[in-house]
Amino acid sequence: MNYATVDDMAARFTERELIELTDTENIPPSTVDTPRVLVKLGDAQAFVDGYVGQVYRLPLQGCAKPPAVPGGPTEYVAPPVLTRLVCDVARYYLHDDLAPENEVYRRYKAAVKELEAIATGTAAVSGVGSAVSGVTGPIAYALAAVIVIGFAVAAFYFIRRMKEAEA
């Protein structure tokens, strides 16, 4: 289950901001580079899962929405708190050079703090039940380290491809 979409990002931060952050082809910028936003959303979701997975079984089933018609199929949606957190982290990832006092940086730090609270059990993700993953202690830290290393390798190859494309 994807926690956030490009439309979620546009609704929270405006399409204009996404255009300015992603369109490197047009002068002036005029279109959202959807693949770039999707990459950052995927990175942000994996980052969030690194915290949430310490407490909840992944993948999350999501929050059940009431059926549109009685007796109809139940639809599951991402927990709203995770949509917000993924959007904040992805927005941070889209900003390449930030000053530490920047509003985007502050929101990123707040998201990390909230994710740490979820991971330690002092906060919960409402609507997803209480299924504990059973992965705690050193194993959880090892898994988190693997995730971070994976991000670093992916970022290295992404930057390398971008530089090769410029050359």
Foldseek 3Di string as FASTA:
>chain_A
DQQEAPVLLCVVPNQVLQQCLAQPPDVVRDHHPRVLLVVLLVLLLLLLCLLLLLFAPPPFQAAWDPDPDVPDDTDHHHQNLSHQLSSLRSSVVSDDDDDCVDPSNVSNVVSVVVSNCNNVVVDHRPRRDGHGNPDDDPRSVVVSVVSVVVVVVVVVVVVVVVVVVVD
